[in-house]
Amino acid sequence: MIFSDFLGPNQEMPTIEDTFRFDAQAYTSSNATGPVSIIPRVYNVSNKPQKFWWMGMTSIEGRGDANVILAPGGYQNLDNGMYLGYGKNMIMGTSTPGTALAYGNATEGYSFDFILEGNKWYRVEMSFTVDNMNTSSDTDNVRRWFCRITRMF
């Protein structure tokens, strides 16, 4: 599933069992080298409280929680903020191509396990990018969110 520009809550976002919806809250601009600008979240979209467990690793650190009971319409942040920026912001045909580039913390990925009552286990992987659209203007940058949900057991 590919979701661009952090689609709103009324648009199709990935869900598990029509109960939990995954999303990302963009709380500041990503138009910099490597700002902390998003928070991944899980929402309870059902009409009753739901219990779950989760544990995950980003490319920077780990997080997790256990025996969480989430109210209808409630959400749980899955990180304290993740790096999402345009990185080196190179432009095809303008920038000098690199031959030995050093890495930075411009973009952070996330993989976590999500376990529901009844021993239902899912692996959720989130990747985020900022595409500068090969221009030097920040006004046309596009944030993209890629999310894969796999039933493990």
Protein backbone atom coordinates (compact mmCIF):
# COMPACT_ATOMS: atom_id res chain seq x y z
CA MET A 1 0.00 0.00 0.00
CA ILE A 2 1.31 3.44 -0.85
CA PHE A 3 -0.11 6.58 0.72
CA SER A 4 1.05 10.03 -0.36
CA ASP A 5 0.90 13.33 1.49
CA PHE A 6 -0.34 11.66 4.70
CA LEU A 7 -3.92 11.11 3.58
CA GLY A 8 -6.57 12.30 6.00
CA PRO A 9 -8.55 10.17 8.46
CA ASN A 10 -11.55 9.82 6.11
CA GLN A 11 -9.46 8.32 3.30
CA GLU A 12 -8.38 4.71 2.98
CA MET A 13 -5.58 3.95 5.42
CA PRO A 14 -4.28 0.49 6.35
CA THR A 15 -6.36 -1.28 9.00
CA ILE A 16 -6.23 -4.58 10.83
CA GLU A 17 -9.47 -6.49 11.36
CA ASP A 18 -11.56 -3.33 10.82
CA THR A 19 -10.40 -2.30 14.29
CA PHE A 20 -6.97 -0.69 14.20
CA ARG A 21 -5.94 1.93 11.63
CA PHE A 22 -2.32 2.96 11.15
CA ASP A 23 -1.48 6.55 10.32
CA ALA A 24 1.28 9.12 10.66
CA GLN A 25 0.82 12.54 12.22
CA ALA A 26 2.86 15.17 10.38
CA TYR A 27 3.36 17.85 13.00
CA THR A 28 6.01 20.04 11.39
CA SER A 29 7.60 20.65 8.00
CA SER A 30 9.87 18.05 6.40
CA ASN A 31 11.56 20.73 4.26
CA ALA A 32 14.99 20.47 5.91
CA THR A 33 17.95 18.08 5.95
CA GLY A 34 16.62 15.81 8.71
CA PRO A 35 13.92 17.22 10.98
CA VAL A 36 11.90 15.11 13.40
CA SER A 37 8.57 15.80 11.73
CA ILE A 38 6.20 12.81 12.02
CA ILE A 39 4.74 10.48 14.64
CA PRO A 40 3.39 7.06 13.62
CA ARG A 41 0.10 6.20 15.33
CA VAL A 42 -2.48 3.48 15.70
CA TYR A 43 -6.17 4.38 16.10
CA ASN A 44 -9.04 2.28 17.43
CA VAL A 45 -11.70 2.72 14.73
CA SER A 46 -14.13 0.24 16.30
CA ASN A 47 -17.01 1.10 18.63
CA LYS A 48 -15.61 -0.72 21.69
CA PRO A 49 -12.38 -0.78 23.71
CA GLN A 50 -9.64 -2.95 22.21
CA LYS A 51 -6.60 -4.59 23.81
CA PHE A 52 -3.20 -5.00 22.11
CA TRP A 53 0.56 -5.31 22.57
CA TRP A 54 3.28 -3.83 20.39
CA MET A 55 7.04 -3.58 20.13
CA GLY A 56 9.13 -2.00 17.42
CA MET A 57 12.46 -0.80 16.19
CA THR A 58 13.16 2.28 14.14
CA SER A 59 16.45 2.85 12.42
CA ILE A 60 17.37 4.95 15.48
CA GLU A 61 15.82 3.32 18.59
CA GLY A 62 13.18 0.95 19.97
CA ARG A 63 9.74 1.41 21.52
CA GLY A 64 6.92 -0.78 22.80
CA ASP A 65 4.04 -1.16 25.22
CA ALA A 66 1.98 -3.99 26.67
CA ASN A 67 -1.60 -4.63 27.77
CA VAL A 68 -2.84 -1.45 26.12
CA ILE A 69 -6.63 -0.98 26.14
CA LEU A 70 -7.56 1.73 23.69
CA ALA A 71 -10.94 3.48 23.83
CA PRO A 72 -13.08 3.81 20.69
CA GLY A 73 -11.69 6.70 18.65
CA GLY A 74 -8.51 6.78 20.75
CA TYR A 75 -4.96 6.56 19.52
CA GLN A 76 -1.51 5.44 20.71
CA ASN A 77 1.66 7.13 19.48
CA LEU A 78 4.13 4.49 18.34
CA ASP A 79 7.21 6.72 18.64
CA ASN A 80 8.17 10.08 20.13
CA GLY A 81 8.92 11.53 16.70
CA MET A 82 10.72 10.27 13.62
CA TYR A 83 13.20 11.83 11.24
CA LEU A 84 11.70 12.76 7.89
CA GLY A 85 13.47 15.32 5.75
CA TYR A 86 14.71 15.79 2.22
CA GLY A 87 18.24 14.73 3.11
CA LYS A 88 20.91 15.87 0.68
CA ASN A 89 18.20 17.43 -1.54
CA MET A 90 20.16 16.69 -4.72
CA ILE A 91 18.62 17.50 -8.11
CA MET A 92 19.19 15.43 -11.29
CA GLY A 93 20.99 17.44 -13.95
CA THR A 94 21.99 20.16 -11.46
CA SER A 95 23.74 18.54 -8.47
CA THR A 96 27.11 16.89 -8.85
CA PRO A 97 26.53 13.15 -8.43
CA GLY A 98 28.28 11.76 -5.36
CA THR A 99 30.78 8.92 -5.51
CA ALA A 100 31.21 8.22 -1.77
CA LEU A 101 28.43 9.93 0.16
CA ALA A 102 28.25 9.80 3.96
CA TYR A 103 24.89 8.86 5.44
CA GLY A 104 22.74 11.05 7.67
CA ASN A 105 19.57 10.81 9.71
CA ALA A 106 17.32 12.41 7.12
CA THR A 107 14.77 9.60 6.98
CA GLU A 108 13.81 7.04 9.60
CA GLY A 109 12.04 3.73 8.93
CA TYR A 110 9.97 1.70 11.37
CA SER A 111 9.14 -1.98 11.78
CA PHE A 112 6.97 -3.22 14.62
CA ASP A 113 5.03 -6.25 15.79
CA PHE A 114 1.38 -5.75 16.68
CA ILE A 115 -0.36 -8.47 18.68
CA LEU A 116 -4.10 -8.72 19.35
CA GLU A 117 -6.13 -10.80 21.75
CA GLY A 118 -6.53 -14.34 20.45
CA ASN A 119 -2.80 -14.46 19.62
CA LYS A 120 -3.11 -12.68 16.29
CA TRP A 121 0.33 -11.40 15.34
CA TYR A 122 1.05 -8.83 12.63
CA ARG A 123 4.26 -7.23 11.40
CA VAL A 124 3.89 -3.62 10.25
CA GLU A 125 6.62 -1.88 8.28
CA MET A 126 6.55 1.86 7.59
CA SER A 127 8.88 3.81 5.33
CA PHE A 128 8.68 7.54 4.69
CA THR A 129 10.21 9.70 1.98
CA VAL A 130 10.26 13.32 0.87
CA ASP A 131 10.52 13.75 -2.91
CA ASN A 132 11.91 17.15 -3.98
CA MET A 133 10.44 16.54 -7.45
CA ASN A 134 13.85 17.48 -8.93
CA THR A 135 13.33 21.18 -8.24
CA SER A 136 15.05 23.61 -5.89
CA SER A 137 11.72 24.87 -4.54
CA ASP A 138 10.31 23.46 -1.29
CA THR A 139 6.76 24.30 -2.38
CA ASP A 140 6.36 21.19 -4.53
CA ASN A 141 7.93 18.63 -2.17
CA VAL A 142 5.81 15.54 -1.57
CA ARG A 143 5.85 13.39 1.57
CA ARG A 144 5.10 9.73 0.93
CA TRP A 145 4.30 6.94 3.33
CA PHE A 146 4.76 3.29 2.41
CA CYS A 147 3.19 0.73 4.72
CA ARG A 148 3.16 -3.07 4.60
CA ILE A 149 1.12 -5.20 7.00
CA THR A 150 1.84 -8.94 7.15
CA ARG A 151 -0.12 -11.49 9.17
CA MET A 152 2.50 -13.57 10.96
CA PHE A 153 0.33 -15.94 13.02
